[in-house]
Amino acid sequence: MKLEDFTEKEQNEIKAGLSTAEITDKETADKILALVPQDWIKKIPFFVRKHATTKTIERIANQYPALYEVAKKPGELPEKEREELRRIITDIFKEKMNKHHIR
């Protein structure tokens, strides 16, 4: 996907610099992002990838605070929470990828 594949409004936003979330706990973010198939993340254009990943983590922290707190704990995620987070984050990525026609 190239910059020209986005609408003119989106191109202007990209050029101006997309907003990113302030992620204070990188280890937790990495733990959650590891649940997304890596080929999906690679399909996101590099110039919007940080925006997409940080905003997704922020969204999970805001909408699912209990799950986010479990992910903040040291060590591996418990099976139940890992599968629930995997479902949530893959659904978010599917939604965003479909919205932006990323296949």
PDB file of N, CA and C in Angstrom:
ATOM      1  N   MET A   1       0.843  -1.166   0.000  1.00  0.00           N
ATOM      2  CA  MET A   1       0.000   0.000   0.000  1.00  0.00           C
ATOM      3  C   MET A   1       0.893   1.235   0.000  1.00  0.00           C
ATOM      4  N   LYS A   2       0.551   2.182  -0.847  1.00  0.00           N
ATOM      5  CA  LYS A   2       1.338   3.398  -0.995  1.00  0.00           C
ATOM      6  C   LYS A   2       0.534   4.589  -0.500  1.00  0.00           C
ATOM      7  N   LEU A   3       1.203   5.693  -0.304  1.00  0.00           N
ATOM      8  CA  LEU A   3       0.555   6.907   0.168  1.00  0.00           C
ATOM      9  C   LEU A   3      -0.595   7.308  -0.758  1.00  0.00           C
ATOM     10  N   GLU A   4      -0.427   7.083  -2.062  1.00  0.00           N
ATOM     11  CA  GLU A   4      -1.445   7.453  -3.040  1.00  0.00           C
ATOM     12  C   GLU A   4      -2.727   6.627  -2.906  1.00  0.00           C
ATOM     13  N   ASP A   5      -2.636   5.494  -2.204  1.00  0.00           N
ATOM     14  CA  ASP A   5      -3.799   4.639  -2.014  1.00  0.00           C
ATOM     15  C   ASP A   5      -4.775   5.212  -0.985  1.00  0.00           C
ATOM     16  N   PHE A   6      -4.351   6.209  -0.226  1.00  0.00           N
ATOM     17  CA  PHE A   6      -5.200   6.831   0.777  1.00  0.00           C
ATOM     18  C   PHE A   6      -5.940   8.016   0.166  1.00  0.00           C
ATOM     19  N   THR A   7      -7.032   8.418   0.804  1.00  0.00           N
ATOM     20  CA  THR A   7      -7.782   9.579   0.332  1.00  0.00           C
ATOM     21  C   THR A   7      -6.919  10.819   0.512  1.00  0.00           C
ATOM     22  N   GLU A   8      -7.307  11.891  -0.144  1.00  0.00           N
ATOM     23  CA  GLU A   8      -6.532  13.130  -0.041  1.00  0.00           C
ATOM     24  C   GLU A   8      -6.491  13.624   1.408  1.00  0.00           C
ATOM     25  N   LYS A   9      -7.604  13.513   2.111  1.00  0.00           N
ATOM     26  CA  LYS A   9      -7.662  13.923   3.521  1.00  0.00           C
ATOM     27  C   LYS A   9      -6.689  13.081   4.345  1.00  0.00           C
ATOM     28  N   GLU A  10      -6.710  11.760   4.140  1.00  0.00           N
ATOM     29  CA  GLU A  10      -5.807  10.872   4.876  1.00  0.00           C
ATOM     30  C   GLU A  10      -4.347  11.169   4.537  1.00  0.00           C
ATOM     31  N   GLN A  11      -4.071  11.470   3.267  1.00  0.00           N
ATOM     32  CA  GLN A  11      -2.702  11.803   2.867  1.00  0.00           C
ATOM     33  C   GLN A  11      -2.222  13.057   3.582  1.00  0.00           C
ATOM     34  N   ASN A  12      -3.096  14.052   3.700  1.00  0.00           N
ATOM     35  CA  ASN A  12      -2.726  15.286   4.394  1.00  0.00           C
ATOM     36  C   ASN A  12      -2.463  15.020   5.876  1.00  0.00           C
ATOM     37  N   GLU A  13      -3.279  14.154   6.490  1.00  0.00           N
ATOM     38  CA  GLU A  13      -3.072  13.797   7.892  1.00  0.00           C
ATOM     39  C   GLU A  13      -1.747  13.057   8.074  1.00  0.00           C
ATOM     40  N   ILE A  14      -1.446  12.152   7.146  1.00  0.00           N
ATOM     41  CA  ILE A  14      -0.198  11.391   7.219  1.00  0.00           C
ATOM     42  C   ILE A  14       0.994  12.334   7.089  1.00  0.00           C
ATOM     43  N   LYS A  15       0.903  13.250   6.140  1.00  0.00           N
ATOM     44  CA  LYS A  15       2.002  14.199   5.944  1.00  0.00           C
ATOM     45  C   LYS A  15       2.181  15.108   7.152  1.00  0.00           C
ATOM     46  N   ALA A  16       1.068  15.470   7.792  1.00  0.00           N
ATOM     47  CA  ALA A  16       1.133  16.328   8.982  1.00  0.00           C
ATOM     48  C   ALA A  16       1.651  15.558  10.188  1.00  0.00           C
ATOM     49  N   GLY A  17       1.547  14.262  10.130  1.00  0.00           N
ATOM     50  CA  GLY A  17       1.995  13.418  11.234  1.00  0.00           C
ATOM     51  C   GLY A  17       0.806  12.890  12.001  1.00  0.00           C
ATOM     52  N   LEU A  18       0.614  11.601  11.958  1.00  0.00           N
ATOM     53  CA  LEU A  18      -0.497  10.987  12.661  1.00  0.00           C
ATOM     54  C   LEU A  18      -0.251  10.984  14.155  1.00  0.00           C
ATOM     55  N   SER A  19      -1.328  11.064  14.896  1.00  0.00           N
ATOM     56  CA  SER A  19      -1.198  11.019  16.347  1.00  0.00           C
ATOM     57  C   SER A  19      -0.827   9.605  16.775  1.00  0.00           C
ATOM     58  N   THR A  20      -0.102   9.538  17.842  1.00  0.00           N
ATOM     59  CA  THR A  20       0.221   8.242  18.432  1.00  0.00           C
ATOM     60  C   THR A  20      -0.111   8.323  19.915  1.00  0.00           C
ATOM     61  N   ALA A  21      -0.363   7.180  20.493  1.00  0.00           N
ATOM     62  CA  ALA A  21      -0.656   7.118  21.923  1.00  0.00           C
ATOM     63  C   ALA A  21       0.654   7.068  22.690  1.00  0.00           C
ATOM     64  N   GLU A  22       0.645   7.621  23.875  1.00  0.00           N
ATOM     65  CA  GLU A  22       1.805   7.562  24.749  1.00  0.00           C
ATOM     66  C   GLU A  22       1.738   6.243  25.508  1.00  0.00           C
ATOM     67  N   ILE A  23       2.582   5.301  25.130  1.00  0.00           N
ATOM     68  CA  ILE A  23       2.614   3.987  25.767  1.00  0.00           C
ATOM     69  C   ILE A  23       3.698   4.010  26.844  1.00  0.00           C
ATOM     70  N   THR A  24       3.261   3.937  28.095  1.00  0.00           N
ATOM     71  CA  THR A  24       4.212   4.011  29.199  1.00  0.00           C
ATOM     72  C   THR A  24       4.795   2.644  29.551  1.00  0.00           C
ATOM     73  N   ASP A  25       4.066   1.592  29.221  1.00  0.00           N
ATOM     74  CA  ASP A  25       4.527   0.244  29.556  1.00  0.00           C
ATOM     75  C   ASP A  25       4.764  -0.534  28.264  1.00  0.00           C
ATOM     76  N   LYS A  26       5.953  -0.379  27.727  1.00  0.00           N
ATOM     77  CA  LYS A  26       6.289  -1.013  26.443  1.00  0.00           C
ATOM     78  C   LYS A  26       6.226  -2.533  26.527  1.00  0.00           C
ATOM     79  N   GLU A  27       6.603  -3.094  27.659  1.00  0.00           N
ATOM     80  CA  GLU A  27       6.574  -4.551  27.821  1.00  0.00           C
ATOM     81  C   GLU A  27       5.145  -5.091  27.684  1.00  0.00           C
ATOM     82  N   THR A  28       4.185  -4.391  28.283  1.00  0.00           N
ATOM     83  CA  THR A  28       2.782  -4.800  28.174  1.00  0.00           C
ATOM     84  C   THR A  28       2.312  -4.667  26.733  1.00  0.00           C
ATOM     85  N   ALA A  29       2.663  -3.564  26.094  1.00  0.00           N
ATOM     86  CA  ALA A  29       2.279  -3.347  24.703  1.00  0.00           C
ATOM     87  C   ALA A  29       2.847  -4.450  23.809  1.00  0.00           C
ATOM     88  N   ASP A  30       4.108  -4.795  24.009  1.00  0.00           N
ATOM     89  CA  ASP A  30       4.740  -5.855  23.216  1.00  0.00           C
ATOM     90  C   ASP A  30       4.054  -7.195  23.449  1.00  0.00           C
ATOM     91  N   LYS A  31       3.676  -7.448  24.698  1.00  0.00           N
ATOM     92  CA  LYS A  31       3.005  -8.699  25.044  1.00  0.00           C
ATOM     93  C   LYS A  31       1.659  -8.809  24.315  1.00  0.00           C
ATOM     94  N   ILE A  32       0.931  -7.708  24.243  1.00  0.00           N
ATOM     95  CA  ILE A  32      -0.376  -7.704  23.572  1.00  0.00           C
ATOM     96  C   ILE A  32      -0.195  -7.767  22.057  1.00  0.00           C
ATOM     97  N   LEU A  33       0.739  -6.993  21.524  1.00  0.00           N
ATOM     98  CA  LEU A  33       0.965  -6.992  20.073  1.00  0.00           C
ATOM     99  C   LEU A  33       1.483  -8.335  19.572  1.00  0.00           C
ATOM    100  N   ALA A  34       2.131  -9.093  20.431  1.00  0.00           N
ATOM    101  CA  ALA A  34       2.619 -10.420  20.041  1.00  0.00           C
ATOM    102  C   ALA A  34       1.460 -11.362  19.718  1.00  0.00           C
ATOM    103  N   LEU A  35       0.255 -11.012  20.136  1.00  0.00           N
ATOM    104  CA  LEU A  35      -0.917 -11.847  19.868  1.00  0.00           C
ATOM    105  C   LEU A  35      -1.457 -11.651  18.448  1.00  0.00           C
ATOM    106  N   VAL A  36      -0.990 -10.613  17.771  1.00  0.00           N
ATOM    107  CA  VAL A  36      -1.416 -10.327  16.400  1.00  0.00           C
ATOM    108  C   VAL A  36      -0.483 -11.063  15.443  1.00  0.00           C
ATOM    109  N   PRO A  37      -1.038 -11.722  14.418  1.00  0.00           N
ATOM    110  CA  PRO A  37      -0.151 -12.348  13.429  1.00  0.00           C
ATOM    111  C   PRO A  37       0.819 -11.308  12.849  1.00  0.00           C
ATOM    112  N   GLN A  38       2.107 -11.611  12.878  1.00  0.00           N
ATOM    113  CA  GLN A  38       3.124 -10.650  12.447  1.00  0.00           C
ATOM    114  C   GLN A  38       2.979 -10.243  10.985  1.00  0.00           C
ATOM    115  N   ASP A  39       2.460 -11.126  10.146  1.00  0.00           N
ATOM    116  CA  ASP A  39       2.284 -10.734   8.749  1.00  0.00           C
ATOM    117  C   ASP A  39       1.210  -9.656   8.608  1.00  0.00           C
ATOM    118  N   TRP A  40       0.266  -9.590   9.536  1.00  0.00           N
ATOM    119  CA  TRP A  40      -0.740  -8.516   9.515  1.00  0.00           C
ATOM    120  C   TRP A  40      -0.074  -7.175   9.800  1.00  0.00           C
ATOM    121  N   ILE A  41       0.799  -7.155  10.799  1.00  0.00           N
ATOM    122  CA  ILE A  41       1.469  -5.906  11.154  1.00  0.00           C
ATOM    123  C   ILE A  41       2.367  -5.449  10.009  1.00  0.00           C
ATOM    124  N   LYS A  42       3.014  -6.387   9.347  1.00  0.00           N
ATOM    125  CA  LYS A  42       3.881  -6.035   8.218  1.00  0.00           C
ATOM    126  C   LYS A  42       3.094  -5.484   7.036  1.00  0.00           C
ATOM    127  N   LYS A  43       1.808  -5.829   6.932  1.00  0.00           N
ATOM    128  CA  LYS A  43       0.972  -5.320   5.845  1.00  0.00           C
ATOM    129  C   LYS A  43       0.584  -3.860   6.056  1.00  0.00           C
ATOM    130  N   ILE A  44       0.669  -3.386   7.282  1.00  0.00           N
ATOM    131  CA  ILE A  44       0.345  -1.995   7.570  1.00  0.00           C
ATOM    132  C   ILE A  44       1.493  -1.141   7.053  1.00  0.00           C
ATOM    133  N   PRO A  45       1.211  -0.135   6.230  1.00  0.00           N
ATOM    134  CA  PRO A  45       2.293   0.703   5.705  1.00  0.00           C
ATOM    135  C   PRO A  45       3.132   1.289   6.844  1.00  0.00           C
ATOM    136  N   PHE A  46       4.442   1.300   6.634  1.00  0.00           N
ATOM    137  CA  PHE A  46       5.370   1.703   7.691  1.00  0.00           C
ATOM    138  C   PHE A  46       5.074   3.101   8.219  1.00  0.00           C
ATOM    139  N   PHE A  47       4.546   3.988   7.377  1.00  0.00           N
ATOM    140  CA  PHE A  47       4.343   5.365   7.809  1.00  0.00           C
ATOM    141  C   PHE A  47       3.097   5.550   8.675  1.00  0.00           C
ATOM    142  N   VAL A  48       2.274   4.510   8.832  1.00  0.00           N
ATOM    143  CA  VAL A  48       1.119   4.575   9.745  1.00  0.00           C
ATOM    144  C   VAL A  48       1.169   3.464  10.799  1.00  0.00           C
ATOM    145  N   ARG A  49       2.188   2.632  10.752  1.00  0.00           N
ATOM    146  CA  ARG A  49       2.258   1.464  11.645  1.00  0.00           C
ATOM    147  C   ARG A  49       2.301   1.853  13.126  1.00  0.00           C
ATOM    148  N   LYS A  50       3.117   2.837  13.478  1.00  0.00           N
ATOM    149  CA  LYS A  50       3.215   3.236  14.891  1.00  0.00           C
ATOM    150  C   LYS A  50       1.880   3.789  15.369  1.00  0.00           C
ATOM    151  N   HIS A  51       1.239   4.597  14.544  1.00  0.00           N
ATOM    152  CA  HIS A  51      -0.079   5.130  14.878  1.00  0.00           C
ATOM    153  C   HIS A  51      -1.066   3.990  15.117  1.00  0.00           C
ATOM    154  N   ALA A  52      -1.103   3.030  14.206  1.00  0.00           N
ATOM    155  CA  ALA A  52      -2.054   1.920  14.306  1.00  0.00           C
ATOM    156  C   ALA A  52      -1.816   1.063  15.544  1.00  0.00           C
ATOM    157  N   THR A  53      -0.581   0.755  15.826  1.00  0.00           N
ATOM    158  CA  THR A  53      -0.307  -0.135  16.958  1.00  0.00           C
ATOM    159  C   THR A  53      -0.481   0.568  18.299  1.00  0.00           C
ATOM    160  N   THR A  54       0.014   1.796  18.423  1.00  0.00           N
ATOM    161  CA  THR A  54      -0.110   2.474  19.719  1.00  0.00           C
ATOM    162  C   THR A  54      -1.555   2.827  20.027  1.00  0.00           C
ATOM    163  N   LYS A  55      -2.302   3.250  19.024  1.00  0.00           N
ATOM    164  CA  LYS A  55      -3.706   3.589  19.256  1.00  0.00           C
ATOM    165  C   LYS A  55      -4.523   2.337  19.587  1.00  0.00           C
ATOM    166  N   THR A  56      -4.154   1.199  19.030  1.00  0.00           N
ATOM    167  CA  THR A  56      -4.849  -0.053  19.360  1.00  0.00           C
ATOM    168  C   THR A  56      -4.582  -0.444  20.805  1.00  0.00           C
ATOM    169  N   ILE A  57      -3.348  -0.331  21.250  1.00  0.00           N
ATOM    170  CA  ILE A  57      -3.016  -0.635  22.644  1.00  0.00           C
ATOM    171  C   ILE A  57      -3.759   0.323  23.572  1.00  0.00           C
ATOM    172  N   GLU A  58      -3.780   1.594  23.219  1.00  0.00           N
ATOM    173  CA  GLU A  58      -4.502   2.583  24.024  1.00  0.00           C
ATOM    174  C   GLU A  58      -5.994   2.249  24.099  1.00  0.00           C
ATOM    175  N   ARG A  59      -6.551   1.838  22.983  1.00  0.00           N
ATOM    176  CA  ARG A  59      -7.965   1.455  22.934  1.00  0.00           C
ATOM    177  C   ARG A  59      -8.252   0.269  23.856  1.00  0.00           C
ATOM    178  N   ILE A  60      -7.387  -0.721  23.821  1.00  0.00           N
ATOM    179  CA  ILE A  60      -7.559  -1.897  24.694  1.00  0.00           C
ATOM    180  C   ILE A  60      -7.441  -1.474  26.161  1.00  0.00           C
ATOM    181  N   ALA A  61      -6.465  -0.627  26.478  1.00  0.00           N
ATOM    182  CA  ALA A  61      -6.283  -0.166  27.863  1.00  0.00           C
ATOM    183  C   ALA A  61      -7.521   0.579  28.361  1.00  0.00           C
ATOM    184  N   ASN A  62      -8.146   1.363  27.482  1.00  0.00           N
ATOM    185  CA  ASN A  62      -9.323   2.139  27.875  1.00  0.00           C
ATOM    186  C   ASN A  62     -10.598   1.306  27.924  1.00  0.00           C
ATOM    187  N   GLN A  63     -10.781   0.411  26.950  1.00  0.00           N
ATOM    188  CA  GLN A  63     -12.026  -0.349  26.857  1.00  0.00           C
ATOM    189  C   GLN A  63     -12.010  -1.637  27.674  1.00  0.00           C
ATOM    190  N   TYR A  64     -10.842  -2.185  27.933  1.00  0.00           N
ATOM    191  CA  TYR A  64     -10.714  -3.444  28.663  1.00  0.00           C
ATOM    192  C   TYR A  64      -9.662  -3.304  29.765  1.00  0.00           C
ATOM    193  N   PRO A  65      -9.898  -2.412  30.730  1.00  0.00           N
ATOM    194  CA  PRO A  65      -8.865  -2.158  31.748  1.00  0.00           C
ATOM    195  C   PRO A  65      -8.496  -3.388  32.576  1.00  0.00           C
ATOM    196  N   ALA A  66      -9.446  -4.268  32.842  1.00  0.00           N
ATOM    197  CA  ALA A  66      -9.131  -5.466  33.635  1.00  0.00           C
ATOM    198  C   ALA A  66      -8.158  -6.373  32.885  1.00  0.00           C
ATOM    199  N   LEU A  67      -8.399  -6.566  31.587  1.00  0.00           N
ATOM    200  CA  LEU A  67      -7.488  -7.393  30.781  1.00  0.00           C
ATOM    201  C   LEU A  67      -6.121  -6.729  30.651  1.00  0.00           C
ATOM    202  N   TYR A  68      -6.116  -5.416  30.501  1.00  0.00           N
ATOM    203  CA  TYR A  68      -4.849  -4.698  30.383  1.00  0.00           C
ATOM    204  C   TYR A  68      -4.033  -4.847  31.667  1.00  0.00           C
ATOM    205  N   GLU A  69      -4.704  -4.787  32.808  1.00  0.00           N
ATOM    206  CA  GLU A  69      -4.014  -4.953  34.093  1.00  0.00           C
ATOM    207  C   GLU A  69      -3.407  -6.349  34.210  1.00  0.00           C
ATOM    208  N   VAL A  70      -4.115  -7.364  33.723  1.00  0.00           N
ATOM    209  CA  VAL A  70      -3.574  -8.727  33.740  1.00  0.00           C
ATOM    210  C   VAL A  70      -2.329  -8.789  32.857  1.00  0.00           C
ATOM    211  N   ALA A  71      -2.374  -8.123  31.705  1.00  0.00           N
ATOM    212  CA  ALA A  71      -1.230  -8.121  30.787  1.00  0.00           C
ATOM    213  C   ALA A  71      -0.033  -7.387  31.393  1.00  0.00           C
ATOM    214  N   LYS A  72      -0.279  -6.433  32.282  1.00  0.00           N
ATOM    215  CA  LYS A  72       0.810  -5.679  32.912  1.00  0.00           C
ATOM    216  C   LYS A  72       1.604  -6.511  33.910  1.00  0.00           C
ATOM    217  N   LYS A  73       1.009  -7.572  34.392  1.00  0.00           N
ATOM    218  CA  LYS A  73       1.715  -8.406  35.374  1.00  0.00           C
ATOM    219  C   LYS A  73       2.905  -9.103  34.710  1.00  0.00           C
ATOM    220  N   PRO A  74       3.999  -9.271  35.434  1.00  0.00           N
ATOM    221  CA  PRO A  74       5.178  -9.938  34.856  1.00  0.00           C
ATOM    222  C   PRO A  74       4.874 -11.388  34.472  1.00  0.00           C
ATOM    223  N   GLY A  75       5.587 -11.856  33.492  1.00  0.00           N
ATOM    224  CA  GLY A  75       5.443 -13.246  33.063  1.00  0.00           C
ATOM    225  C   GLY A  75       4.436 -13.411  31.944  1.00  0.00           C
ATOM    226  N   GLU A  76       4.173 -14.673  31.660  1.00  0.00           N
ATOM    227  CA  GLU A  76       3.250 -15.022  30.580  1.00  0.00           C
ATOM    228  C   GLU A  76       1.812 -14.674  30.953  1.00  0.00           C
ATOM    229  N   LEU A  77       1.014 -14.434  29.909  1.00  0.00           N
ATOM    230  CA  LEU A  77      -0.411 -14.209  30.123  1.00  0.00           C
ATOM    231  C   LEU A  77      -1.104 -15.526  30.444  1.00  0.00           C
ATOM    232  N   PRO A  78      -2.050 -15.510  31.380  1.00  0.00           N
ATOM    233  CA  PRO A  78      -2.839 -16.728  31.610  1.00  0.00           C
ATOM    234  C   PRO A  78      -3.624 -17.089  30.344  1.00  0.00           C
ATOM    235  N   GLU A  79      -3.847 -18.378  30.135  1.00  0.00           N
ATOM    236  CA  GLU A  79      -4.475 -18.875  28.906  1.00  0.00           C
ATOM    237  C   GLU A  79      -5.791 -18.159  28.582  1.00  0.00           C
ATOM    238  N   LYS A  80      -6.678 -18.066  29.561  1.00  0.00           N
ATOM    239  CA  LYS A  80      -7.999 -17.464  29.321  1.00  0.00           C
ATOM    240  C   LYS A  80      -7.868 -16.016  28.852  1.00  0.00           C
ATOM    241  N   GLU A  81      -7.083 -15.220  29.548  1.00  0.00           N
ATOM    242  CA  GLU A  81      -6.907 -13.815  29.207  1.00  0.00           C
ATOM    243  C   GLU A  81      -6.163 -13.652  27.889  1.00  0.00           C
ATOM    244  N   ARG A  82      -5.192 -14.532  27.634  1.00  0.00           N
ATOM    245  CA  ARG A  82      -4.451 -14.468  26.376  1.00  0.00           C
ATOM    246  C   ARG A  82      -5.385 -14.674  25.192  1.00  0.00           C
ATOM    247  N   GLU A  83      -6.257 -15.677  25.294  1.00  0.00           N
ATOM    248  CA  GLU A  83      -7.186 -15.937  24.192  1.00  0.00           C
ATOM    249  C   GLU A  83      -8.203 -14.817  24.021  1.00  0.00           C
ATOM    250  N   GLU A  84      -8.653 -14.247  25.132  1.00  0.00           N
ATOM    251  CA  GLU A  84      -9.601 -13.136  25.055  1.00  0.00           C
ATOM    252  C   GLU A  84      -8.941 -11.905  24.425  1.00  0.00           C
ATOM    253  N   LEU A  85      -7.716 -11.599  24.857  1.00  0.00           N
ATOM    254  CA  LEU A  85      -6.979 -10.480  24.257  1.00  0.00           C
ATOM    255  C   LEU A  85      -6.669 -10.738  22.785  1.00  0.00           C
ATOM    256  N   ARG A  86      -6.344 -11.982  22.447  1.00  0.00           N
ATOM    257  CA  ARG A  86      -6.067 -12.330  21.045  1.00  0.00           C
ATOM    258  C   ARG A  86      -7.310 -12.071  20.185  1.00  0.00           C
ATOM    259  N   ARG A  87      -8.460 -12.476  20.684  1.00  0.00           N
ATOM    260  CA  ARG A  87      -9.704 -12.262  19.944  1.00  0.00           C
ATOM    261  C   ARG A  87      -9.981 -10.766  19.780  1.00  0.00           C
ATOM    262  N   ILE A  88      -9.820 -10.012  20.853  1.00  0.00           N
ATOM    263  CA  ILE A  88     -10.100  -8.576  20.818  1.00  0.00           C
ATOM    264  C   ILE A  88      -9.165  -7.857  19.852  1.00  0.00           C
ATOM    265  N   ILE A  89      -7.862  -8.104  19.965  1.00  0.00           N
ATOM    266  CA  ILE A  89      -6.916  -7.365  19.136  1.00  0.00           C
ATOM    267  C   ILE A  89      -7.004  -7.779  17.665  1.00  0.00           C
ATOM    268  N   THR A  90      -7.258  -9.050  17.403  1.00  0.00           N
ATOM    269  CA  THR A  90      -7.409  -9.449  15.996  1.00  0.00           C
ATOM    270  C   THR A  90      -8.691  -8.872  15.410  1.00  0.00           C
ATOM    271  N   ASP A  91      -9.744  -8.782  16.199  1.00  0.00           N
ATOM    272  CA  ASP A  91     -10.972  -8.147  15.707  1.00  0.00           C
ATOM    273  C   ASP A  91     -10.740  -6.672  15.384  1.00  0.00           C
ATOM    274  N   ILE A  92      -9.999  -5.983  16.242  1.00  0.00           N
ATOM    275  CA  ILE A  92      -9.691  -4.571  15.995  1.00  0.00           C
ATOM    276  C   ILE A  92      -8.866  -4.424  14.720  1.00  0.00           C
ATOM    277  N   PHE A  93      -7.845  -5.267  14.576  1.00  0.00           N
ATOM    278  CA  PHE A  93      -7.005  -5.185  13.383  1.00  0.00           C
ATOM    279  C   PHE A  93      -7.789  -5.542  12.121  1.00  0.00           C
ATOM    280  N   LYS A  94      -8.655  -6.555  12.190  1.00  0.00           N
ATOM    281  CA  LYS A  94      -9.482  -6.896  11.024  1.00  0.00           C
ATOM    282  C   LYS A  94     -10.346  -5.712  10.626  1.00  0.00           C
ATOM    283  N   GLU A  95     -10.967  -5.087  11.618  1.00  0.00           N
ATOM    284  CA  GLU A  95     -11.827  -3.931  11.372  1.00  0.00           C
ATOM    285  C   GLU A  95     -11.050  -2.804  10.689  1.00  0.00           C
ATOM    286  N   LYS A  96      -9.873  -2.478  11.243  1.00  0.00           N
ATOM    287  CA  LYS A  96      -9.067  -1.396  10.686  1.00  0.00           C
ATOM    288  C   LYS A  96      -8.536  -1.742   9.294  1.00  0.00           C
ATOM    289  N   MET A  97      -8.103  -2.981   9.119  1.00  0.00           N
ATOM    290  CA  MET A  97      -7.557  -3.381   7.825  1.00  0.00           C
ATOM    291  C   MET A  97      -8.642  -3.387   6.756  1.00  0.00           C
ATOM    292  N   ASN A  98      -9.844  -3.821   7.100  1.00  0.00           N
ATOM    293  CA  ASN A  98     -10.946  -3.779   6.150  1.00  0.00           C
ATOM    294  C   ASN A  98     -11.317  -2.334   5.825  1.00  0.00           C
ATOM    295  N   LYS A  99     -11.344  -1.474   6.829  1.00  0.00           N
ATOM    296  CA  LYS A  99     -11.687  -0.073   6.645  1.00  0.00           C
ATOM    297  C   LYS A  99     -10.738   0.589   5.646  1.00  0.00           C
ATOM    298  N   HIS A 100      -9.465   0.241   5.733  1.00  0.00           N
ATOM    299  CA  HIS A 100      -8.447   0.864   4.868  1.00  0.00           C
ATOM    300  C   HIS A 100      -8.063  -0.011   3.675  1.00  0.00           C
ATOM    301  N   HIS A 101      -8.846  -1.055   3.441  1.00  0.00           N
ATOM    302  CA  HIS A 101      -8.650  -1.952   2.287  1.00  0.00           C
ATOM    303  C   HIS A 101      -7.245  -2.555   2.242  1.00  0.00           C
ATOM    304  N   ILE A 102      -6.755  -2.979   3.399  1.00  0.00           N
ATOM    305  CA  ILE A 102      -5.453  -3.648   3.476  1.00  0.00           C
ATOM    306  C   ILE A 102      -5.727  -5.143   3.490  1.00  0.00           C
ATOM    307  N   ARG A 103      -5.179  -5.845   2.537  1.00  0.00           N
ATOM    308  CA  ARG A 103      -5.420  -7.295   2.422  1.00  0.00           C
ATOM    309  C   ARG A 103      -4.166  -8.052   2.713  1.00  0.00           C
TER     310      ARG A 103
END
